[in-house]
Amino acid sequence: MPEKSRLLLVGFGSSAHIVIQIALHRGHDIWVVTRSENHMRQACELGAAWAGRDFRDLPGKADGAILFAPSGQLVPPTLEALDRGGVFSIAGIHLSDVPGLNYSRHLYQERELRSATSNTREDVHAFLADAAEAHVQPRTAAYALSDANRALSDMKHSNTEGTPVLMIAAGGG
């Protein structure tokens, strides 16, 4: 039986809590690096084999990685966390500047770096089919529209148990 592939998720917010469910359904071992204790707990509750805040504590080298956090500073350590032939995808639509990379430390051994900017309708249909097959259960935290600033603050400080969703009261409230 082939060894499970090891997928590293860097940052664990709204997108990652969906992706982990699909990746687990596909049989991957999931490792998560995030700065938030709350997000580490949520990742483990969803099935991560390991969660921590420091790349140096990873249980080994990953076969693939997805960067959800918008910090370019995380690109070099994520590349270093990859095994030979590992693939690293930057999932965000925004990323701060990436510091200089050292070829032998970051890209040597056929590591691959990809970015994603948009999806086609076919991509979305395939993703939704995967999500349905995996029985993905999105976690949300409802906020009244009048609490939008609190929702943003809670999201910024990782103080939610899911993706903040603003509820608009019936009747235009």
N, C-alpha and C. Protein backbone atom coordinates (compact mmCIF):
# COMPACT_ATOMS: atom_id res chain seq x y z
N MET A 1 0.85 -1.19 0.00
CA MET A 1 0.00 0.00 0.00
C MET A 1 0.89 1.24 0.00
N PRO A 2 0.63 2.21 -0.90
CA PRO A 2 1.47 3.40 -0.96
C PRO A 2 1.30 4.25 0.30
N GLU A 3 2.39 4.93 0.65
CA GLU A 3 2.38 5.83 1.79
C GLU A 3 1.46 7.02 1.49
N LYS A 4 0.75 7.49 2.51
CA LYS A 4 -0.11 8.67 2.32
C LYS A 4 0.75 9.87 1.99
N SER A 5 0.22 10.75 1.16
CA SER A 5 0.96 11.98 0.90
C SER A 5 0.73 12.94 2.06
N ARG A 6 1.73 13.76 2.31
CA ARG A 6 1.70 14.70 3.43
C ARG A 6 1.47 16.10 2.88
N LEU A 7 0.35 16.71 3.25
CA LEU A 7 -0.02 18.03 2.76
C LEU A 7 0.10 19.02 3.91
N LEU A 8 0.86 20.08 3.68
CA LEU A 8 1.06 21.15 4.65
C LEU A 8 0.17 22.33 4.29
N LEU A 9 -0.68 22.75 5.24
CA LEU A 9 -1.49 23.95 5.08
C LEU A 9 -0.87 25.04 5.95
N VAL A 10 -0.56 26.18 5.34
CA VAL A 10 0.07 27.28 6.07
C VAL A 10 -0.95 28.40 6.17
N GLY A 11 -1.38 28.65 7.41
CA GLY A 11 -2.51 29.54 7.66
C GLY A 11 -3.76 28.68 7.71
N PHE A 12 -4.67 28.99 8.63
CA PHE A 12 -5.84 28.12 8.76
C PHE A 12 -7.07 28.97 9.04
N GLY A 13 -7.63 29.50 7.97
CA GLY A 13 -8.82 30.32 8.09
C GLY A 13 -9.97 29.73 7.29
N SER A 14 -10.76 30.59 6.69
CA SER A 14 -11.98 30.20 6.00
C SER A 14 -11.75 29.17 4.89
N SER A 15 -10.76 29.39 4.05
CA SER A 15 -10.52 28.45 2.94
C SER A 15 -9.91 27.14 3.44
N ALA A 16 -8.95 27.23 4.32
CA ALA A 16 -8.24 26.03 4.78
C ALA A 16 -9.17 25.07 5.51
N HIS A 17 -10.16 25.60 6.23
CA HIS A 17 -11.04 24.67 6.97
C HIS A 17 -11.96 23.89 6.02
N ILE A 18 -12.10 24.36 4.79
CA ILE A 18 -12.82 23.61 3.76
C ILE A 18 -11.85 22.63 3.08
N VAL A 19 -10.69 23.12 2.71
CA VAL A 19 -9.70 22.30 2.00
C VAL A 19 -9.28 21.09 2.83
N ILE A 20 -9.11 21.26 4.15
CA ILE A 20 -8.68 20.13 4.97
C ILE A 20 -9.68 18.98 4.88
N GLN A 21 -10.95 19.29 4.81
CA GLN A 21 -11.96 18.24 4.76
C GLN A 21 -11.88 17.45 3.45
N ILE A 22 -11.66 18.15 2.35
CA ILE A 22 -11.53 17.48 1.05
C ILE A 22 -10.23 16.68 1.00
N ALA A 23 -9.14 17.27 1.49
CA ALA A 23 -7.84 16.59 1.47
C ALA A 23 -7.86 15.32 2.33
N LEU A 24 -8.50 15.38 3.48
CA LEU A 24 -8.62 14.19 4.32
C LEU A 24 -9.45 13.12 3.62
N HIS A 25 -10.51 13.54 2.95
CA HIS A 25 -11.34 12.59 2.21
C HIS A 25 -10.53 11.89 1.11
N ARG A 26 -9.58 12.62 0.54
CA ARG A 26 -8.72 12.05 -0.50
C ARG A 26 -7.60 11.19 0.08
N GLY A 27 -7.49 11.15 1.40
CA GLY A 27 -6.51 10.28 2.04
C GLY A 27 -5.18 10.90 2.39
N HIS A 28 -5.06 12.21 2.37
CA HIS A 28 -3.81 12.88 2.73
C HIS A 28 -3.65 12.97 4.25
N ASP A 29 -2.41 12.94 4.71
CA ASP A 29 -2.09 13.33 6.09
C ASP A 29 -1.93 14.85 6.05
N ILE A 30 -2.56 15.54 6.98
CA ILE A 30 -2.55 17.01 6.97
C ILE A 30 -1.74 17.54 8.14
N TRP A 31 -0.84 18.45 7.82
CA TRP A 31 -0.09 19.19 8.82
C TRP A 31 -0.46 20.66 8.63
N VAL A 32 -0.57 21.39 9.74
CA VAL A 32 -0.98 22.80 9.68
C VAL A 32 0.01 23.65 10.46
N VAL A 33 0.48 24.72 9.83
CA VAL A 33 1.26 25.74 10.52
C VAL A 33 0.40 27.00 10.56
N THR A 34 0.13 27.46 11.77
CA THR A 34 -0.66 28.67 11.97
C THR A 34 -0.23 29.32 13.27
N ARG A 35 -0.38 30.62 13.37
CA ARG A 35 0.06 31.31 14.59
C ARG A 35 -1.00 31.28 15.69
N SER A 36 -2.20 30.89 15.37
CA SER A 36 -3.32 30.97 16.30
C SER A 36 -3.57 29.64 17.02
N GLU A 37 -3.58 29.69 18.35
CA GLU A 37 -3.92 28.50 19.14
C GLU A 37 -5.33 28.01 18.77
N ASN A 38 -6.25 28.93 18.59
CA ASN A 38 -7.62 28.59 18.22
C ASN A 38 -7.65 27.83 16.89
N HIS A 39 -6.88 28.30 15.91
CA HIS A 39 -6.85 27.63 14.62
C HIS A 39 -6.15 26.28 14.71
N MET A 40 -5.13 26.15 15.56
CA MET A 40 -4.49 24.85 15.76
C MET A 40 -5.51 23.85 16.30
N ARG A 41 -6.28 24.30 17.28
CA ARG A 41 -7.31 23.44 17.88
C ARG A 41 -8.33 23.03 16.83
N GLN A 42 -8.82 24.00 16.03
CA GLN A 42 -9.81 23.70 15.01
C GLN A 42 -9.25 22.73 13.96
N ALA A 43 -7.98 22.91 13.57
CA ALA A 43 -7.37 22.01 12.58
C ALA A 43 -7.33 20.58 13.11
N CYS A 44 -6.96 20.43 14.37
CA CYS A 44 -6.92 19.08 14.97
C CYS A 44 -8.32 18.49 15.09
N GLU A 45 -9.30 19.32 15.45
CA GLU A 45 -10.68 18.84 15.53
C GLU A 45 -11.16 18.33 14.18
N LEU A 46 -10.70 18.96 13.11
CA LEU A 46 -11.11 18.56 11.76
C LEU A 46 -10.30 17.39 11.21
N GLY A 47 -9.25 16.98 11.93
CA GLY A 47 -8.51 15.79 11.52
C GLY A 47 -7.05 15.97 11.16
N ALA A 48 -6.47 17.15 11.38
CA ALA A 48 -5.05 17.34 11.10
C ALA A 48 -4.23 16.37 11.96
N ALA A 49 -3.22 15.75 11.36
CA ALA A 49 -2.34 14.85 12.09
C ALA A 49 -1.39 15.63 12.98
N TRP A 50 -1.11 16.89 12.62
CA TRP A 50 -0.19 17.75 13.38
C TRP A 50 -0.58 19.20 13.14
N ALA A 51 -0.50 20.01 14.17
CA ALA A 51 -0.70 21.46 14.03
C ALA A 51 0.23 22.17 15.00
N GLY A 52 0.87 23.22 14.53
CA GLY A 52 1.79 23.99 15.36
C GLY A 52 2.07 25.33 14.72
N ARG A 53 2.92 26.11 15.38
CA ARG A 53 3.20 27.45 14.86
C ARG A 53 4.59 27.59 14.27
N ASP A 54 5.44 26.58 14.39
CA ASP A 54 6.82 26.70 13.95
C ASP A 54 7.16 25.60 12.94
N PHE A 55 7.65 26.00 11.79
CA PHE A 55 8.04 25.04 10.75
C PHE A 55 9.09 24.05 11.26
N ARG A 56 9.94 24.50 12.19
CA ARG A 56 11.00 23.62 12.70
C ARG A 56 10.44 22.44 13.49
N ASP A 57 9.18 22.51 13.89
CA ASP A 57 8.57 21.42 14.66
C ASP A 57 7.80 20.43 13.79
N LEU A 58 7.77 20.64 12.49
CA LEU A 58 7.05 19.71 11.61
C LEU A 58 7.57 18.29 11.79
N PRO A 59 6.70 17.29 11.66
CA PRO A 59 7.13 15.91 11.85
C PRO A 59 7.97 15.33 10.72
N GLY A 60 8.17 16.07 9.66
CA GLY A 60 8.97 15.60 8.52
C GLY A 60 8.82 16.57 7.36
N LYS A 61 9.17 16.11 6.18
CA LYS A 61 9.04 16.91 4.97
C LYS A 61 7.68 16.63 4.33
N ALA A 62 7.06 17.68 3.79
CA ALA A 62 5.74 17.56 3.15
C ALA A 62 5.91 17.29 1.66
N ASP A 63 4.91 16.60 1.10
CA ASP A 63 4.89 16.35 -0.34
C ASP A 63 4.28 17.53 -1.10
N GLY A 64 3.41 18.27 -0.42
CA GLY A 64 2.76 19.42 -1.01
C GLY A 64 2.43 20.43 0.06
N ALA A 65 2.24 21.67 -0.34
CA ALA A 65 1.90 22.73 0.61
C ALA A 65 1.00 23.74 -0.07
N ILE A 66 0.11 24.31 0.73
CA ILE A 66 -0.74 25.40 0.26
C ILE A 66 -0.60 26.55 1.26
N LEU A 67 -0.27 27.72 0.75
CA LEU A 67 -0.16 28.91 1.58
C LEU A 67 -1.46 29.69 1.49
N PHE A 68 -2.16 29.81 2.61
CA PHE A 68 -3.38 30.60 2.68
C PHE A 68 -3.11 31.97 3.29
N ALA A 69 -2.13 32.08 4.17
CA ALA A 69 -1.80 33.35 4.83
C ALA A 69 -1.26 34.33 3.78
N PRO A 70 -1.55 35.62 3.92
CA PRO A 70 -1.13 36.60 2.91
C PRO A 70 0.29 37.13 3.10
N SER A 71 1.15 36.38 3.78
CA SER A 71 2.49 36.85 4.09
C SER A 71 3.54 36.21 3.20
N GLY A 72 4.20 37.02 2.39
CA GLY A 72 5.30 36.55 1.56
C GLY A 72 6.47 36.03 2.37
N GLN A 73 6.59 36.46 3.62
CA GLN A 73 7.66 35.98 4.51
C GLN A 73 7.57 34.48 4.75
N LEU A 74 6.38 33.90 4.54
CA LEU A 74 6.18 32.47 4.77
C LEU A 74 6.57 31.60 3.57
N VAL A 75 6.88 32.22 2.44
CA VAL A 75 7.23 31.45 1.24
C VAL A 75 8.54 30.67 1.44
N PRO A 76 9.65 31.29 1.86
CA PRO A 76 10.88 30.51 2.02
C PRO A 76 10.77 29.34 3.00
N PRO A 77 10.22 29.53 4.22
CA PRO A 77 10.15 28.37 5.11
C PRO A 77 9.19 27.28 4.60
N THR A 78 8.17 27.68 3.86
CA THR A 78 7.26 26.67 3.30
C THR A 78 7.99 25.85 2.24
N LEU A 79 8.77 26.51 1.38
CA LEU A 79 9.55 25.78 0.38
C LEU A 79 10.55 24.83 1.06
N GLU A 80 11.17 25.29 2.13
CA GLU A 80 12.14 24.44 2.85
C GLU A 80 11.46 23.24 3.49
N ALA A 81 10.16 23.33 3.78
CA ALA A 81 9.42 22.24 4.41
C ALA A 81 9.05 21.14 3.42
N LEU A 82 9.25 21.40 2.12
CA LEU A 82 8.89 20.42 1.09
C LEU A 82 9.97 19.37 0.87
N ASP A 83 9.54 18.16 0.59
CA ASP A 83 10.42 17.08 0.22
C ASP A 83 10.78 17.23 -1.26
N ARG A 84 11.66 16.37 -1.75
CA ARG A 84 12.03 16.35 -3.18
C ARG A 84 10.77 16.28 -4.03
N GLY A 85 10.69 17.10 -5.07
CA GLY A 85 9.56 17.07 -5.99
C GLY A 85 8.28 17.64 -5.42
N GLY A 86 8.36 18.26 -4.24
CA GLY A 86 7.17 18.82 -3.62
C GLY A 86 6.59 19.99 -4.40
N VAL A 87 5.27 20.14 -4.31
CA VAL A 87 4.57 21.22 -5.02
C VAL A 87 3.98 22.17 -3.99
N PHE A 88 4.21 23.45 -4.17
CA PHE A 88 3.77 24.50 -3.26
C PHE A 88 2.88 25.45 -4.03
N SER A 89 1.64 25.61 -3.58
CA SER A 89 0.68 26.52 -4.22
C SER A 89 0.36 27.68 -3.30
N ILE A 90 0.41 28.87 -3.84
CA ILE A 90 0.01 30.07 -3.12
C ILE A 90 -1.44 30.31 -3.48
N ALA A 91 -2.32 30.20 -2.49
CA ALA A 91 -3.75 30.22 -2.75
C ALA A 91 -4.38 31.60 -2.68
N GLY A 92 -3.75 32.52 -2.03
CA GLY A 92 -4.38 33.82 -1.80
C GLY A 92 -4.41 34.71 -3.03
N ILE A 93 -5.30 35.67 -2.99
CA ILE A 93 -5.35 36.67 -4.07
C ILE A 93 -4.50 37.88 -3.73
N HIS A 94 -3.98 37.91 -2.50
CA HIS A 94 -3.07 38.97 -2.08
C HIS A 94 -1.93 38.33 -1.32
N LEU A 95 -0.71 38.82 -1.55
CA LEU A 95 0.46 38.32 -0.84
C LEU A 95 1.44 39.47 -0.73
N SER A 96 1.98 39.68 0.46
CA SER A 96 3.02 40.70 0.61
C SER A 96 4.27 40.23 -0.15
N ASP A 97 5.24 41.11 -0.29
CA ASP A 97 6.44 40.78 -1.06
C ASP A 97 7.13 39.54 -0.50
N VAL A 98 7.64 38.74 -1.42
CA VAL A 98 8.38 37.53 -1.07
C VAL A 98 9.86 37.89 -0.98
N PRO A 99 10.52 37.53 0.12
CA PRO A 99 11.96 37.81 0.20
C PRO A 99 12.73 36.97 -0.82
N GLY A 100 13.97 37.32 -1.03
CA GLY A 100 14.79 36.59 -1.98
C GLY A 100 14.89 35.11 -1.64
N LEU A 101 14.93 34.28 -2.67
CA LEU A 101 15.03 32.84 -2.48
C LEU A 101 16.43 32.37 -2.82
N ASN A 102 16.89 31.38 -2.09
CA ASN A 102 18.17 30.74 -2.35
C ASN A 102 17.89 29.46 -3.12
N TYR A 103 18.46 29.33 -4.30
CA TYR A 103 18.14 28.20 -5.15
C TYR A 103 18.34 26.86 -4.45
N SER A 104 19.48 26.65 -3.82
CA SER A 104 19.77 25.33 -3.25
C SER A 104 18.90 25.04 -2.02
N ARG A 105 18.52 26.05 -1.25
CA ARG A 105 17.69 25.83 -0.05
C ARG A 105 16.21 25.73 -0.38
N HIS A 106 15.75 26.49 -1.39
CA HIS A 106 14.32 26.62 -1.61
C HIS A 106 13.78 25.90 -2.83
N LEU A 107 14.52 25.85 -3.92
CA LEU A 107 13.97 25.31 -5.16
C LEU A 107 14.65 24.05 -5.66
N TYR A 108 15.86 23.81 -5.22
CA TYR A 108 16.60 22.63 -5.65
C TYR A 108 15.81 21.37 -5.31
N GLN A 109 16.11 20.27 -5.94
CA GLN A 109 15.43 18.99 -5.78
C GLN A 109 14.02 19.03 -6.38
N GLU A 110 13.88 19.77 -7.46
CA GLU A 110 12.67 19.82 -8.27
C GLU A 110 11.42 20.26 -7.52
N ARG A 111 11.60 21.12 -6.54
CA ARG A 111 10.42 21.71 -5.88
C ARG A 111 9.76 22.65 -6.86
N GLU A 112 8.45 22.73 -6.77
CA GLU A 112 7.67 23.53 -7.71
C GLU A 112 6.85 24.56 -6.95
N LEU A 113 6.84 25.80 -7.44
CA LEU A 113 6.10 26.89 -6.82
C LEU A 113 5.04 27.37 -7.81
N ARG A 114 3.78 27.40 -7.36
CA ARG A 114 2.66 27.81 -8.21
C ARG A 114 1.85 28.90 -7.52
N SER A 115 1.18 29.68 -8.34
CA SER A 115 0.23 30.64 -7.79
C SER A 115 -1.13 30.38 -8.42
N ALA A 116 -2.16 30.84 -7.77
CA ALA A 116 -3.52 30.68 -8.29
C ALA A 116 -4.21 32.03 -8.22
N THR A 117 -4.81 32.43 -9.33
CA THR A 117 -5.47 33.74 -9.33
C THR A 117 -6.96 33.66 -9.59
N SER A 118 -7.40 32.65 -10.30
CA SER A 118 -8.83 32.55 -10.58
C SER A 118 -9.19 31.12 -10.95
N ASN A 119 -10.47 30.85 -10.98
CA ASN A 119 -10.97 29.53 -11.33
C ASN A 119 -12.00 29.66 -12.44
N THR A 120 -12.08 28.62 -13.25
CA THR A 120 -13.10 28.58 -14.29
C THR A 120 -14.39 28.03 -13.71
N ARG A 121 -15.46 28.12 -14.47
CA ARG A 121 -16.73 27.52 -14.03
C ARG A 121 -16.57 26.02 -13.84
N GLU A 122 -15.80 25.41 -14.74
CA GLU A 122 -15.57 23.96 -14.63
C GLU A 122 -14.83 23.62 -13.34
N ASP A 123 -13.86 24.48 -12.96
CA ASP A 123 -13.14 24.28 -11.69
C ASP A 123 -14.11 24.32 -10.52
N VAL A 124 -15.01 25.27 -10.53
CA VAL A 124 -15.98 25.42 -9.43
C VAL A 124 -16.91 24.22 -9.39
N HIS A 125 -17.40 23.77 -10.55
CA HIS A 125 -18.27 22.59 -10.58
C HIS A 125 -17.54 21.37 -10.01
N ALA A 126 -16.28 21.17 -10.41
CA ALA A 126 -15.50 20.03 -9.91
C ALA A 126 -15.27 20.15 -8.41
N PHE A 127 -14.96 21.37 -7.95
CA PHE A 127 -14.74 21.57 -6.51
C PHE A 127 -16.01 21.28 -5.71
N LEU A 128 -17.14 21.78 -6.19
CA LEU A 128 -18.40 21.53 -5.47
C LEU A 128 -18.76 20.04 -5.46
N ALA A 129 -18.45 19.34 -6.53
CA ALA A 129 -18.68 17.89 -6.56
C ALA A 129 -17.77 17.19 -5.54
N ASP A 130 -16.51 17.62 -5.47
CA ASP A 130 -15.58 17.06 -4.47
C ASP A 130 -16.07 17.36 -3.05
N ALA A 131 -16.53 18.58 -2.84
CA ALA A 131 -17.01 18.97 -1.51
C ALA A 131 -18.23 18.16 -1.11
N ALA A 132 -19.12 17.91 -2.05
CA ALA A 132 -20.31 17.10 -1.74
C ALA A 132 -19.91 15.66 -1.44
N GLU A 133 -19.01 15.10 -2.23
CA GLU A 133 -18.55 13.72 -2.01
C GLU A 133 -17.85 13.58 -0.66
N ALA A 134 -17.12 14.62 -0.25
CA ALA A 134 -16.39 14.59 1.02
C ALA A 134 -17.28 14.97 2.20
N HIS A 135 -18.53 15.32 1.93
CA HIS A 135 -19.47 15.75 2.98
C HIS A 135 -18.91 16.92 3.79
N VAL A 136 -18.37 17.91 3.07
CA VAL A 136 -17.79 19.08 3.71
C VAL A 136 -18.85 19.80 4.54
N GLN A 137 -18.47 20.14 5.75
CA GLN A 137 -19.34 20.87 6.67
C GLN A 137 -18.69 22.21 6.98
N PRO A 138 -19.07 23.28 6.26
CA PRO A 138 -18.48 24.59 6.54
C PRO A 138 -18.82 25.03 7.96
N ARG A 139 -17.87 25.65 8.60
CA ARG A 139 -18.09 26.23 9.93
C ARG A 139 -18.28 27.72 9.75
N THR A 140 -19.37 28.23 10.28
CA THR A 140 -19.65 29.66 10.17
C THR A 140 -19.97 30.23 11.55
N ALA A 141 -19.77 31.51 11.68
CA ALA A 141 -20.12 32.25 12.89
C ALA A 141 -20.98 33.43 12.44
N ALA A 142 -22.25 33.42 12.83
CA ALA A 142 -23.20 34.45 12.38
C ALA A 142 -23.06 35.72 13.21
N TYR A 143 -23.08 36.84 12.52
CA TYR A 143 -23.04 38.17 13.14
C TYR A 143 -24.15 39.01 12.51
N ALA A 144 -24.79 39.82 13.32
CA ALA A 144 -25.75 40.79 12.79
C ALA A 144 -24.97 41.81 11.95
N LEU A 145 -25.61 42.34 10.94
CA LEU A 145 -24.96 43.33 10.08
C LEU A 145 -24.42 44.49 10.92
N SER A 146 -25.13 44.86 11.96
CA SER A 146 -24.69 45.96 12.82
C SER A 146 -23.41 45.61 13.59
N ASP A 147 -23.05 44.33 13.64
CA ASP A 147 -21.83 43.88 14.32
C ASP A 147 -20.69 43.59 13.33
N ALA A 148 -20.75 44.18 12.16
CA ALA A 148 -19.73 43.91 11.12
C ALA A 148 -18.33 44.23 11.61
N ASN A 149 -18.16 45.33 12.32
CA ASN A 149 -16.82 45.68 12.80
C ASN A 149 -16.31 44.65 13.81
N ARG A 150 -17.18 44.15 14.66
CA ARG A 150 -16.78 43.11 15.62
C ARG A 150 -16.41 41.83 14.87
N ALA A 151 -17.17 41.49 13.83
CA ALA A 151 -16.87 40.30 13.03
C ALA A 151 -15.49 40.42 12.40
N LEU A 152 -15.18 41.59 11.84
CA LEU A 152 -13.86 41.80 11.24
C LEU A 152 -12.76 41.72 12.29
N SER A 153 -12.99 42.30 13.45
CA SER A 153 -12.01 42.24 14.53
C SER A 153 -11.80 40.81 15.01
N ASP A 154 -12.91 40.08 15.20
CA ASP A 154 -12.80 38.68 15.63
C ASP A 154 -12.05 37.85 14.60
N MET A 155 -12.30 38.11 13.32
CA MET A 155 -11.61 37.37 12.26
C MET A 155 -10.12 37.71 12.29
N LYS A 156 -9.80 38.99 12.42
CA LYS A 156 -8.41 39.44 12.44
C LYS A 156 -7.64 38.79 13.59
N HIS A 157 -8.29 38.63 14.73
CA HIS A 157 -7.63 38.10 15.93
C HIS A 157 -7.89 36.60 16.14
N SER A 158 -8.42 35.92 15.11
CA SER A 158 -8.69 34.47 15.17
C SER A 158 -9.59 34.10 16.33
N ASN A 159 -10.59 34.93 16.60
CA ASN A 159 -11.51 34.69 17.72
C ASN A 159 -12.86 34.18 17.26
N THR A 160 -12.90 33.46 16.15
CA THR A 160 -14.17 32.89 15.69
C THR A 160 -14.04 31.38 15.59
N GLU A 161 -15.16 30.72 15.63
CA GLU A 161 -15.19 29.26 15.48
C GLU A 161 -15.57 28.89 14.05
N GLY A 162 -15.47 29.81 13.16
CA GLY A 162 -15.78 29.56 11.76
C GLY A 162 -15.68 30.85 10.98
N THR A 163 -16.06 30.79 9.73
CA THR A 163 -16.04 31.96 8.86
C THR A 163 -17.14 32.93 9.28
N PRO A 164 -16.78 34.18 9.58
CA PRO A 164 -17.83 35.15 9.93
C PRO A 164 -18.78 35.39 8.77
N VAL A 165 -20.07 35.35 9.07
CA VAL A 165 -21.11 35.58 8.09
C VAL A 165 -22.01 36.67 8.63
N LEU A 166 -22.23 37.72 7.83
CA LEU A 166 -23.10 38.81 8.25
C LEU A 166 -24.55 38.47 7.89
N MET A 167 -25.42 38.57 8.86
CA MET A 167 -26.84 38.26 8.66
C MET A 167 -27.59 39.57 8.49
N ILE A 168 -28.35 39.65 7.43
CA ILE A 168 -29.16 40.82 7.16
C ILE A 168 -30.58 40.48 7.57
N ALA A 169 -31.10 41.24 8.51
CA ALA A 169 -32.45 40.96 9.04
C ALA A 169 -33.49 41.20 7.96
N ALA A 170 -34.54 40.40 7.97
CA ALA A 170 -35.66 40.58 7.04
C ALA A 170 -36.26 41.95 7.26
N GLY A 171 -36.70 42.56 6.20
CA GLY A 171 -37.33 43.87 6.30
C GLY A 171 -36.33 45.00 6.22
N GLY A 172 -35.08 44.70 5.78
CA GLY A 172 -34.09 45.75 5.55
C GLY A 172 -33.33 46.16 6.78
N GLY A 173 -33.44 45.45 7.94
CA GLY A 173 -32.79 45.79 9.19
C GLY A 173 -31.36 45.70 9.11
